[in-house]
Amino acid sequence: MQHIRGIETEQSRRDARWNAARGLGDCAAYMANEAQRMGALGFAYLARPEHSVRGPSWLRGATASVEAHYRYAREIMGITDGDQFYA
């Protein structure tokens, strides 16, 4: 039987982390990680050149959505604005 190594995808690794969660603390850590990841992907998405022709209202809405991901992650982790300032 042949074994293929290293074929994990990002989705399968996230699924493995989620399935390994045993308590509420593990779930909170997973959700904070995912919220930060989605926020980072969102900022990369906003920086794409094809979005430079969109209007300011679209940019405000998209930026607010991305900031909400980070705000949710900080809320889960219990990080305040003061903590972020000194980090």
C-alpha atoms as a PDB file:
ATOM      1  CA  MET A   1       0.000   0.000   0.000  1.00  0.00           C
ATOM      2  CA  GLN A   2       1.335   3.395  -0.951  1.00  0.00           C
ATOM      3  CA  HIS A   3       1.235   6.301   1.490  1.00  0.00           C
ATOM      4  CA  ILE A   4       1.222   9.908   0.319  1.00  0.00           C
ATOM      5  CA  ARG A   5       2.817  12.294   2.758  1.00  0.00           C
ATOM      6  CA  GLY A   6       2.297  16.004   3.159  1.00  0.00           C
ATOM      7  CA  ILE A   7      -1.018  16.272   1.327  1.00  0.00           C
ATOM      8  CA  GLU A   8      -2.776  18.194   4.088  1.00  0.00           C
ATOM      9  CA  THR A   9      -4.557  21.309   2.965  1.00  0.00           C
ATOM     10  CA  GLU A  10      -5.157  24.402   5.054  1.00  0.00           C
ATOM     11  CA  GLN A  11      -8.797  23.341   5.407  1.00  0.00           C
ATOM     12  CA  SER A  12      -7.878  19.865   6.667  1.00  0.00           C
ATOM     13  CA  ARG A  13      -5.463  21.347   9.205  1.00  0.00           C
ATOM     14  CA  ARG A  14      -8.202  23.696  10.465  1.00  0.00           C
ATOM     15  CA  ASP A  15     -10.618  20.772  10.650  1.00  0.00           C
ATOM     16  CA  ALA A  16      -8.091  18.784  12.682  1.00  0.00           C
ATOM     17  CA  ARG A  17      -7.649  21.697  15.116  1.00  0.00           C
ATOM     18  CA  TRP A  18     -11.415  22.048  15.462  1.00  0.00           C
ATOM     19  CA  ASN A  19     -11.928  18.316  15.999  1.00  0.00           C
ATOM     20  CA  ALA A  20      -9.183  18.324  18.643  1.00  0.00           C
ATOM     21  CA  ALA A  21     -11.039  20.945  20.702  1.00  0.00           C
ATOM     22  CA  ARG A  22     -12.034  19.462  24.057  1.00  0.00           C
ATOM     23  CA  GLY A  23     -13.373  22.428  25.991  1.00  0.00           C
ATOM     24  CA  LEU A  24     -14.695  25.951  25.672  1.00  0.00           C
ATOM     25  CA  GLY A  25     -11.183  27.378  25.983  1.00  0.00           C
ATOM     26  CA  ASP A  26     -10.060  25.347  22.979  1.00  0.00           C
ATOM     27  CA  CYS A  27     -13.080  26.525  21.001  1.00  0.00           C
ATOM     28  CA  ALA A  28     -12.397  30.156  21.902  1.00  0.00           C
ATOM     29  CA  ALA A  29      -8.764  29.832  20.857  1.00  0.00           C
ATOM     30  CA  TYR A  30      -9.799  28.269  17.548  1.00  0.00           C
ATOM     31  CA  MET A  31     -12.390  30.967  16.856  1.00  0.00           C
ATOM     32  CA  ALA A  32      -9.934  33.752  17.718  1.00  0.00           C
ATOM     33  CA  ASN A  33      -7.369  32.195  15.389  1.00  0.00           C
ATOM     34  CA  GLU A  34      -9.916  31.938  12.576  1.00  0.00           C
ATOM     35  CA  ALA A  35     -11.150  35.509  13.088  1.00  0.00           C
ATOM     36  CA  GLN A  36      -7.589  36.839  12.910  1.00  0.00           C
ATOM     37  CA  ARG A  37      -6.888  34.721   9.824  1.00  0.00           C
ATOM     38  CA  MET A  38      -9.995  35.994   8.065  1.00  0.00           C
ATOM     39  CA  GLY A  39      -9.109  39.570   9.006  1.00  0.00           C
ATOM     40  CA  ALA A  40      -5.630  39.174   7.542  1.00  0.00           C
ATOM     41  CA  LEU A  41      -7.064  37.680   4.350  1.00  0.00           C
ATOM     42  CA  GLY A  42      -9.550  40.543   4.200  1.00  0.00           C
ATOM     43  CA  PHE A  43      -6.831  43.188   4.362  1.00  0.00           C
ATOM     44  CA  ALA A  44      -4.913  41.374   1.615  1.00  0.00           C
ATOM     45  CA  TYR A  45      -8.133  41.286  -0.428  1.00  0.00           C
ATOM     46  CA  LEU A  46      -8.648  45.036   0.004  1.00  0.00           C
ATOM     47  CA  ALA A  47      -5.114  45.745  -1.209  1.00  0.00           C
ATOM     48  CA  ARG A  48      -5.705  44.062  -4.582  1.00  0.00           C
ATOM     49  CA  PRO A  49      -5.324  46.519  -7.483  1.00  0.00           C
ATOM     50  CA  GLU A  50      -8.741  45.835  -9.029  1.00  0.00           C
ATOM     51  CA  HIS A  51     -10.424  47.307  -5.956  1.00  0.00           C
ATOM     52  CA  SER A  52      -8.808  50.709  -6.453  1.00  0.00           C
ATOM     53  CA  VAL A  53     -11.601  51.657  -8.882  1.00  0.00           C
ATOM     54  CA  ARG A  54     -14.392  50.947  -6.416  1.00  0.00           C
ATOM     55  CA  GLY A  55     -16.083  53.779  -4.600  1.00  0.00           C
ATOM     56  CA  PRO A  56     -15.409  55.064  -1.103  1.00  0.00           C
ATOM     57  CA  SER A  57     -18.644  53.592   0.285  1.00  0.00           C
ATOM     58  CA  TRP A  58     -17.589  50.101  -0.823  1.00  0.00           C
ATOM     59  CA  LEU A  59     -14.191  50.590   0.769  1.00  0.00           C
ATOM     60  CA  ARG A  60     -15.733  51.795   4.043  1.00  0.00           C
ATOM     61  CA  GLY A  61     -18.034  48.768   4.163  1.00  0.00           C
ATOM     62  CA  ALA A  62     -15.309  46.279   3.299  1.00  0.00           C
ATOM     63  CA  THR A  63     -12.898  47.819   5.810  1.00  0.00           C
ATOM     64  CA  ALA A  64     -15.567  47.734   8.531  1.00  0.00           C
ATOM     65  CA  SER A  65     -16.151  44.045   7.814  1.00  0.00           C
ATOM     66  CA  VAL A  66     -12.452  43.248   8.109  1.00  0.00           C
ATOM     67  CA  GLU A  67     -12.134  45.293  11.312  1.00  0.00           C
ATOM     68  CA  ALA A  68     -15.084  43.359  12.757  1.00  0.00           C
ATOM     69  CA  HIS A  69     -13.120  40.119  12.393  1.00  0.00           C
ATOM     70  CA  TYR A  70     -10.250  41.564  14.417  1.00  0.00           C
ATOM     71  CA  ARG A  71     -12.622  43.072  16.973  1.00  0.00           C
ATOM     72  CA  TYR A  72     -14.301  39.658  17.405  1.00  0.00           C
ATOM     73  CA  ALA A  73     -10.916  37.946  17.860  1.00  0.00           C
ATOM     74  CA  ARG A  74      -9.856  40.519  20.453  1.00  0.00           C
ATOM     75  CA  GLU A  75     -13.183  40.104  22.271  1.00  0.00           C
ATOM     76  CA  ILE A  76     -12.695  36.320  22.461  1.00  0.00           C
ATOM     77  CA  MET A  77      -9.138  36.670  23.717  1.00  0.00           C
ATOM     78  CA  GLY A  78     -10.053  39.411  26.190  1.00  0.00           C
ATOM     79  CA  ILE A  79      -7.651  41.947  24.688  1.00  0.00           C
ATOM     80  CA  THR A  80      -8.491  45.601  25.306  1.00  0.00           C
ATOM     81  CA  ASP A  81      -7.503  48.652  23.279  1.00  0.00           C
ATOM     82  CA  GLY A  82      -4.933  49.477  25.952  1.00  0.00           C
ATOM     83  CA  ASP A  83      -3.346  46.050  25.537  1.00  0.00           C
ATOM     84  CA  GLN A  84      -3.177  46.548  21.778  1.00  0.00           C
ATOM     85  CA  PHE A  85      -1.558  49.945  22.183  1.00  0.00           C
ATOM     86  CA  TYR A  86       1.399  48.523  24.099  1.00  0.00           C
ATOM     87  CA  ALA A  87       1.699  45.260  22.141  1.00  0.00           C
END
